[in-house]
Amino acid sequence: MASHDSAGHLAHLLARNAEAVCRHYLSNGRREGRYWLVGDTANNPGRSLFVRLSGSASGKAGKFTDAATGEYGDLLDIIRERCGLTSFRAVADEARRFLALPVPVYPAQGNAARKLHEPQERGEAARKLFAMARPIAGTDAETYLRLRGIANLTGTDALRFHPGCYYRDADGATHAMPALIAAVTAEGDRIMGVHRTWLAPGGNGKADVPTPRRAMGSLLGHGVRFGFAAGSTADVIVAGEGIETMLSLRMAIPGLPVIAGLSASHLGSIHLPTGLRRLYIAADSDGAGRAGTQRLSRRAREAGIETLTLRSGFGDFNDDLRRNGLDALRLHLLRQLAAVDSARFLA
């Protein structure tokens, strides 16, 4: 039952019924051509994650990719995430129930079911990768950020650099390339995952690969945090999508604690910190992440948290920083902050 063959067999049967699987487990998505589009594996609305519904020369049915995070897998992974399962046995049993197949009766002894990338194991792999990386000072990662106008790196302990982080391409081949590694943490600073940005040599932009940004570990509800004092809570924070966007905002208002949710779908699901009384949401001007912004705003208001929106002038706040400069960005933000926060966080 727990052999590799059984996993492959179940994945094959699910792929033959890919659209039915998606309609059941990813009901907030919809079919477009050969794909089922949805926000993420948590079934949030959106278009970041796409599941191939039929096979072709470019890929097999039942495979998915999250364009926002770089995560990928098959329909067994979808079932695992949606049902909150941790062992392959539990995933296989749920798949068999969906397929109307008999569920085996297991012996009392000899429970050697293969685990299917348990969240705990993925989180541990992320923590090991972050531990192997080094501080970004003097590295290609620092160069990459400075070239994007982010010169003040105070309070960026969540960022590290790895000179040879493995990147797996569509053919399964691995390549070692420099990467900016960001710790994705829960409240209390526990590392739940990491986000990787592979870099061009010398830090001159992102690497020339199809998906230079990918995440691993348990991301949902968590984010990359900057400016949070160790062991304490923050009563006013800013939440937004990208790492560079949120670092640009902190360049202008250094005292503000910020969380980068990494994608629009994950932004809408961020866990609101204990003791939070005012939440600013950094919204990109192109409106691409509107659904995630609205979902987070609604959740905050329902929790009794005052919610305000910070809007960029161009695509995002990093675009504002690079086009208009730091002083103009600061003035643009001060016009949108509550007066008490302007005085507090600039001081």
Protein backbone atom coordinates (compact mmCIF):
# COMPACT_ATOMS: atom_id res chain seq x y z
CA MET A 1 0.00 0.00 0.00
CA ALA A 2 2.65 2.49 1.02
CA SER A 3 5.03 1.67 -1.82
CA HIS A 4 6.16 4.09 -4.51
CA ASP A 5 4.03 2.14 -7.02
CA SER A 6 0.86 2.73 -5.02
CA ALA A 7 1.59 6.46 -4.84
CA GLY A 8 2.18 6.56 -8.59
CA HIS A 9 -0.94 4.51 -9.25
CA LEU A 10 -3.14 6.78 -7.14
CA ALA A 11 -1.64 9.89 -8.73
CA HIS A 12 -2.38 8.40 -12.16
CA LEU A 13 -6.00 7.65 -11.27
CA LEU A 14 -6.49 11.13 -9.85
CA ALA A 15 -4.94 12.69 -12.97
CA ARG A 16 -7.46 10.82 -15.12
CA ASN A 17 -10.14 12.62 -13.12
CA ALA A 18 -8.23 15.88 -12.67
CA GLU A 19 -11.13 18.26 -13.25
CA ALA A 20 -13.38 16.40 -10.80
CA VAL A 21 -10.59 16.48 -8.19
CA CYS A 22 -10.16 20.22 -8.70
CA ARG A 23 -13.89 20.92 -8.50
CA HIS A 24 -14.04 19.04 -5.20
CA TYR A 25 -10.86 20.22 -3.44
CA LEU A 26 -10.26 23.57 -5.20
CA SER A 27 -13.85 24.72 -5.54
CA ASN A 28 -12.96 28.43 -5.57
CA GLY A 29 -11.18 28.04 -8.90
CA ARG A 30 -12.42 27.59 -12.44
CA ARG A 31 -11.43 25.90 -15.67
CA GLU A 32 -9.68 27.88 -18.38
CA GLY A 33 -8.66 25.82 -21.39
CA ARG A 34 -6.45 22.94 -20.28
CA TYR A 35 -5.98 24.33 -16.76
CA TRP A 36 -7.80 24.78 -13.48
CA LEU A 37 -6.90 28.18 -12.00
CA VAL A 38 -7.15 29.06 -8.31
CA GLY A 39 -5.29 31.23 -5.79
CA ASP A 40 -3.30 28.57 -3.92
CA THR A 41 -3.43 25.09 -2.41
CA ALA A 42 -5.59 26.48 0.42
CA ASN A 43 -8.38 27.07 -2.13
CA ASN A 44 -8.27 30.85 -1.89
CA PRO A 45 -9.68 32.70 -4.92
CA GLY A 46 -7.15 33.86 -7.48
CA ARG A 47 -5.15 32.78 -10.51
CA SER A 48 -1.65 32.05 -9.19
CA LEU A 49 -1.93 28.25 -9.02
CA PHE A 50 -2.72 26.28 -12.15
CA VAL A 51 -3.41 22.56 -12.43
CA ARG A 52 -2.98 20.82 -15.78
CA LEU A 53 -6.22 19.00 -16.58
CA SER A 54 -5.00 17.09 -19.64
CA GLY A 55 -1.62 15.84 -20.74
CA SER A 56 0.42 17.28 -23.59
CA ALA A 57 3.99 17.40 -24.83
CA SER A 58 4.74 20.10 -22.26
CA GLY A 59 3.46 18.30 -19.18
CA LYS A 60 1.36 15.60 -17.54
CA ALA A 61 -2.21 15.90 -16.36
CA GLY A 62 -2.63 16.42 -12.63
CA LYS A 63 0.54 18.45 -12.15
CA PHE A 64 0.29 21.92 -10.60
CA THR A 65 2.52 24.97 -10.27
CA ASP A 66 2.00 28.06 -8.12
CA ALA A 67 3.36 30.92 -10.21
CA ALA A 68 3.53 33.21 -7.17
CA THR A 69 5.66 30.96 -4.96
CA GLY A 70 7.22 28.42 -7.34
CA GLU A 71 5.65 25.49 -5.44
CA TYR A 72 4.70 22.52 -7.57
CA GLY A 73 3.38 18.99 -7.16
CA ASP A 74 0.53 16.68 -8.09
CA LEU A 75 -3.04 16.02 -6.99
CA LEU A 76 -1.92 13.96 -4.00
CA ASP A 77 -0.19 17.11 -2.74
CA ILE A 78 -3.40 19.08 -3.29
CA ILE A 79 -5.35 16.56 -1.20
CA ARG A 80 -2.71 16.65 1.52
CA GLU A 81 -2.78 20.44 1.79
CA ARG A 82 -6.56 20.83 1.57
CA CYS A 83 -7.26 18.14 4.17
CA GLY A 84 -4.38 19.00 6.49
CA LEU A 85 -2.96 15.47 6.34
CA THR A 86 0.58 14.56 7.34
CA SER A 87 1.21 10.93 6.38
CA PHE A 88 1.06 9.21 3.03
CA ARG A 89 -1.30 6.62 4.47
CA ALA A 90 -3.85 9.32 5.34
CA VAL A 91 -3.45 11.00 1.93
CA ALA A 92 -3.83 7.67 0.11
CA ASP A 93 -6.94 6.77 2.11
CA GLU A 94 -8.55 10.12 1.29
CA ALA A 95 -7.66 9.68 -2.41
CA ARG A 96 -9.17 6.19 -2.42
CA ARG A 97 -12.36 7.48 -0.83
CA PHE A 98 -12.64 10.16 -3.51
CA LEU A 99 -12.05 7.57 -6.24
CA ALA A 100 -14.56 5.19 -4.64
CA LEU A 101 -11.84 2.57 -4.15
CA PRO A 102 -11.74 0.25 -1.13
CA VAL A 103 -9.69 1.55 1.78
CA PRO A 104 -7.33 -1.18 3.10
CA VAL A 105 -7.52 -2.52 6.64
CA TYR A 106 -4.06 -2.04 8.11
CA PRO A 107 -2.39 -4.50 10.48
CA ALA A 108 -1.88 -3.38 14.05
CA GLN A 109 1.90 -3.81 13.71
CA GLY A 110 4.39 -2.80 11.09
CA ASN A 111 3.10 0.69 10.34
CA ALA A 112 5.76 1.66 7.82
CA ALA A 113 3.64 3.93 5.63
CA ARG A 114 5.79 6.30 3.65
CA LYS A 115 5.21 9.90 4.61
CA LEU A 116 4.50 12.28 1.75
CA HIS A 117 6.56 15.39 2.42
CA GLU A 118 5.08 16.09 5.83
CA PRO A 119 4.75 19.79 6.62
CA GLN A 120 7.06 19.27 9.60
CA GLU A 121 9.71 17.76 7.32
CA ARG A 122 9.40 20.55 4.77
CA GLY A 123 9.67 23.10 7.55
CA GLU A 124 12.79 21.39 8.89
CA ALA A 125 14.36 21.42 5.41
CA ALA A 126 13.64 25.15 5.18
CA ARG A 127 15.22 25.78 8.58
CA LYS A 128 18.33 23.83 7.56
CA LEU A 129 18.68 25.82 4.34
CA PHE A 130 18.39 29.12 6.23
CA ALA A 131 20.97 27.94 8.77
CA MET A 132 23.39 27.04 5.96
CA ALA A 133 23.10 30.52 4.43
CA ARG A 134 25.11 33.49 5.69
CA PRO A 135 24.36 37.16 6.48
CA ILE A 136 23.90 39.26 3.36
CA ALA A 137 26.53 41.94 4.13
CA GLY A 138 29.14 42.02 1.37
CA THR A 139 27.36 39.39 -0.77
CA ASP A 140 25.58 39.31 -4.12
CA ALA A 141 22.31 39.56 -2.18
CA GLU A 142 23.30 42.95 -0.74
CA THR A 143 24.34 44.10 -4.22
CA TYR A 144 21.00 42.95 -5.65
CA LEU A 145 19.04 44.94 -3.06
CA ARG A 146 21.21 48.06 -3.38
CA LEU A 147 20.71 48.03 -7.15
CA ARG A 148 16.98 48.17 -6.41
CA GLY A 149 17.49 51.26 -4.26
CA ILE A 150 17.38 49.42 -0.93
CA ALA A 151 20.47 50.71 0.85
CA ASN A 152 19.43 50.59 4.51
CA LEU A 153 19.57 46.94 5.54
CA THR A 154 19.13 47.52 9.28
CA GLY A 155 16.73 45.00 10.79
CA THR A 156 16.94 42.54 7.89
CA ASP A 157 18.03 39.49 9.88
CA ALA A 158 15.31 37.54 8.06
CA LEU A 159 17.48 37.71 4.92
CA ARG A 160 20.53 35.60 4.15
CA PHE A 161 22.66 34.64 1.17
CA HIS A 162 23.49 31.21 -0.22
CA PRO A 163 26.25 31.11 -2.88
CA GLY A 164 25.13 27.79 -4.41
CA CYS A 165 21.43 27.17 -3.77
CA TYR A 166 20.09 24.35 -5.94
CA TYR A 167 17.56 25.24 -8.63
CA ARG A 168 15.66 22.43 -10.36
CA ASP A 169 14.53 23.13 -13.91
CA ALA A 170 11.54 21.72 -15.80
CA ASP A 171 13.61 18.73 -16.97
CA GLY A 172 14.55 17.80 -13.41
CA ALA A 173 18.18 18.91 -13.73
CA THR A 174 19.66 20.85 -10.81
CA HIS A 175 21.88 23.92 -11.01
CA ALA A 176 23.73 25.64 -8.14
CA MET A 177 23.26 29.41 -8.26
CA PRO A 178 23.55 32.30 -5.79
CA ALA A 179 20.28 33.12 -4.02
CA LEU A 180 18.73 35.54 -1.59
CA ILE A 181 17.12 33.43 1.16
CA ALA A 182 14.28 34.91 3.23
CA ALA A 183 12.92 33.28 6.38
CA VAL A 184 9.13 32.87 6.42
CA THR A 185 8.16 32.98 10.10
CA ALA A 186 5.15 32.61 12.34
CA GLU A 187 4.45 34.91 15.27
CA GLY A 188 7.17 34.12 17.80
CA ASP A 189 9.85 33.97 15.07
CA ARG A 190 9.63 30.23 14.36
CA ILE A 191 10.80 29.57 10.80
CA MET A 192 8.02 27.84 8.86
CA GLY A 193 9.57 28.07 5.41
CA VAL A 194 11.93 30.02 3.19
CA HIS A 195 11.58 32.08 0.04
CA ARG A 196 14.41 31.91 -2.50
CA THR A 197 15.30 34.50 -5.13
CA TRP A 198 17.98 33.16 -7.45
CA LEU A 199 20.38 35.88 -8.57
CA ALA A 200 22.44 36.69 -11.63
CA PRO A 201 26.23 36.59 -11.13
CA GLY A 202 27.39 39.51 -9.02
CA GLY A 203 23.84 40.22 -7.87
CA ASN A 204 23.03 42.06 -11.08
CA GLY A 205 19.32 41.30 -11.04
CA LYS A 206 17.47 38.01 -10.82
CA ALA A 207 18.81 34.86 -12.49
CA ASP A 208 17.76 34.24 -16.07
CA VAL A 209 15.54 31.23 -15.34
CA PRO A 210 11.78 30.72 -15.85
CA THR A 211 10.89 30.97 -12.13
CA PRO A 212 13.64 32.84 -10.24
CA ARG A 213 11.46 33.01 -7.12
CA ARG A 214 10.34 29.89 -5.27
CA ALA A 215 9.22 29.07 -1.75
CA MET A 216 9.37 25.93 0.35
CA GLY A 217 7.86 24.94 3.67
CA SER A 218 4.58 25.93 5.30
CA LEU A 219 3.73 29.39 3.97
CA LEU A 220 0.02 29.86 4.52
CA GLY A 221 -0.67 32.45 7.20
CA HIS A 222 2.99 33.37 7.60
CA GLY A 223 5.36 35.89 6.05
CA VAL A 224 8.81 37.50 5.97
CA ARG A 225 9.03 39.93 8.91
CA PHE A 226 11.14 43.06 9.25
CA GLY A 227 11.32 45.41 12.22
CA PHE A 228 9.68 43.19 14.83
CA ALA A 229 11.44 43.27 18.19
CA ALA A 230 12.39 39.76 19.31
CA GLY A 231 9.83 38.26 21.64
CA SER A 232 7.45 41.22 21.47
CA THR A 233 4.24 42.05 19.63
CA ALA A 234 3.49 45.05 17.43
CA ASP A 235 0.28 47.06 17.71
CA VAL A 236 0.72 48.75 14.32
CA ILE A 237 2.11 46.95 11.25
CA VAL A 238 2.13 47.09 7.46
CA ALA A 239 1.41 43.96 5.41
CA GLY A 240 2.10 43.66 1.69
CA GLU A 241 3.24 41.23 -0.98
CA GLY A 242 6.85 41.40 -2.13
CA ILE A 243 10.07 41.50 -0.12
CA GLU A 244 11.51 44.38 -2.15
CA THR A 245 8.23 46.29 -1.84
CA MET A 246 8.19 46.07 1.94
CA LEU A 247 11.91 46.86 2.29
CA SER A 248 11.35 49.98 0.16
CA LEU A 249 8.57 51.06 2.49
CA ARG A 250 10.85 50.59 5.50
CA MET A 251 13.50 52.70 3.77
CA ALA A 252 11.07 55.61 3.94
CA ILE A 253 9.52 54.90 7.36
CA PRO A 254 12.24 52.91 9.18
CA GLY A 255 10.36 52.30 12.42
CA LEU A 256 7.36 50.54 10.91
CA PRO A 257 7.22 46.74 11.40
CA VAL A 258 6.28 45.09 8.09
CA ILE A 259 5.31 41.62 6.85
CA ALA A 260 5.80 40.45 3.25
CA GLY A 261 3.18 37.84 2.39
CA LEU A 262 5.02 36.95 -0.88
CA SER A 263 1.89 36.68 -3.06
CA ALA A 264 -1.59 38.15 -3.27
CA SER A 265 -3.21 34.89 -2.18
CA HIS A 266 -0.93 34.47 0.82
CA LEU A 267 -1.33 38.14 1.77
CA GLY A 268 -5.05 37.59 2.27
CA SER A 269 -4.36 34.69 4.65
CA ILE A 270 -1.70 36.26 6.90
CA HIS A 271 -2.28 35.54 10.60
CA LEU A 272 -2.99 38.84 12.36
CA PRO A 273 -0.51 39.33 15.24
CA THR A 274 -1.70 39.26 18.83
CA GLY A 275 -2.36 42.76 20.16
CA LEU A 276 -2.66 44.36 16.71
CA ARG A 277 -4.88 47.46 16.74
CA ARG A 278 -4.09 49.13 13.39
CA LEU A 279 -3.17 47.43 10.13
CA TYR A 280 -1.86 49.18 7.04
CA ILE A 281 -2.09 47.19 3.82
CA ALA A 282 0.42 48.08 1.11
CA ALA A 283 -1.52 47.81 -2.15
CA ASP A 284 0.14 47.71 -5.55
CA SER A 285 -1.28 50.34 -7.89
CA ASP A 286 -1.94 47.86 -10.70
CA GLY A 287 -4.67 46.15 -8.65
CA ALA A 288 -3.34 42.64 -9.42
CA GLY A 289 -3.54 41.70 -5.75
CA ARG A 290 -6.91 43.33 -5.07
CA ALA A 291 -8.60 40.08 -3.97
CA GLY A 292 -5.91 39.32 -1.39
CA THR A 293 -5.95 42.89 -0.11
CA GLN A 294 -9.71 42.88 0.27
CA ARG A 295 -9.71 39.52 2.04
CA LEU A 296 -7.08 40.63 4.56
CA SER A 297 -8.89 43.93 5.14
CA ARG A 298 -12.18 42.13 5.77
CA ARG A 299 -10.60 39.69 8.23
CA ALA A 300 -8.94 42.55 10.13
CA ARG A 301 -12.15 44.58 10.39
CA GLU A 302 -14.06 41.54 11.62
CA ALA A 303 -11.41 41.19 14.35
CA GLY A 304 -11.95 44.81 15.41
CA ILE A 305 -8.67 46.05 13.93
CA GLU A 306 -8.56 49.46 12.25
CA THR A 307 -7.50 48.98 8.63
CA LEU A 308 -5.98 51.55 6.29
CA THR A 309 -4.58 51.17 2.78
CA LEU A 310 -1.26 52.54 1.53
CA ARG A 311 -1.25 52.96 -2.24
CA SER A 312 1.86 53.18 -4.40
CA GLY A 313 2.15 55.69 -7.21
CA PHE A 314 3.55 53.26 -9.77
CA GLY A 315 3.50 49.45 -9.87
CA ASP A 316 4.64 49.00 -6.26
CA PHE A 317 6.63 50.88 -3.61
CA ASN A 318 9.96 49.69 -5.02
CA ASP A 319 9.00 51.25 -8.35
CA ASP A 320 8.18 54.47 -6.45
CA LEU A 321 11.55 54.40 -4.69
CA ARG A 322 13.56 53.85 -7.85
CA ARG A 323 11.65 56.35 -9.99
CA ASN A 324 11.06 59.22 -7.56
CA GLY A 325 13.70 58.71 -4.85
CA LEU A 326 13.53 58.23 -1.12
CA ASP A 327 12.32 61.71 -0.09
CA ALA A 328 9.40 61.64 -2.51
CA LEU A 329 8.40 58.16 -1.36
CA ARG A 330 8.51 59.26 2.28
CA LEU A 331 6.30 62.26 1.57
CA HIS A 332 3.88 60.08 -0.41
CA LEU A 333 3.57 57.69 2.54
CA LEU A 334 3.27 60.38 5.22
CA ARG A 335 0.21 61.72 3.43
CA GLN A 336 -1.44 58.34 3.94
CA LEU A 337 -0.35 57.46 7.49
CA ALA A 338 -2.33 58.41 10.57
CA ALA A 339 -0.69 61.49 12.12
CA VAL A 340 0.15 59.67 15.33
CA ASP A 341 2.01 56.98 13.37
CA SER A 342 3.94 59.51 11.29
CA ALA A 343 5.34 61.08 14.44
CA ARG A 344 5.92 57.77 16.19
CA PHE A 345 7.69 55.78 13.50
CA LEU A 346 9.74 58.55 11.91
CA ALA A 347 11.11 59.37 15.35
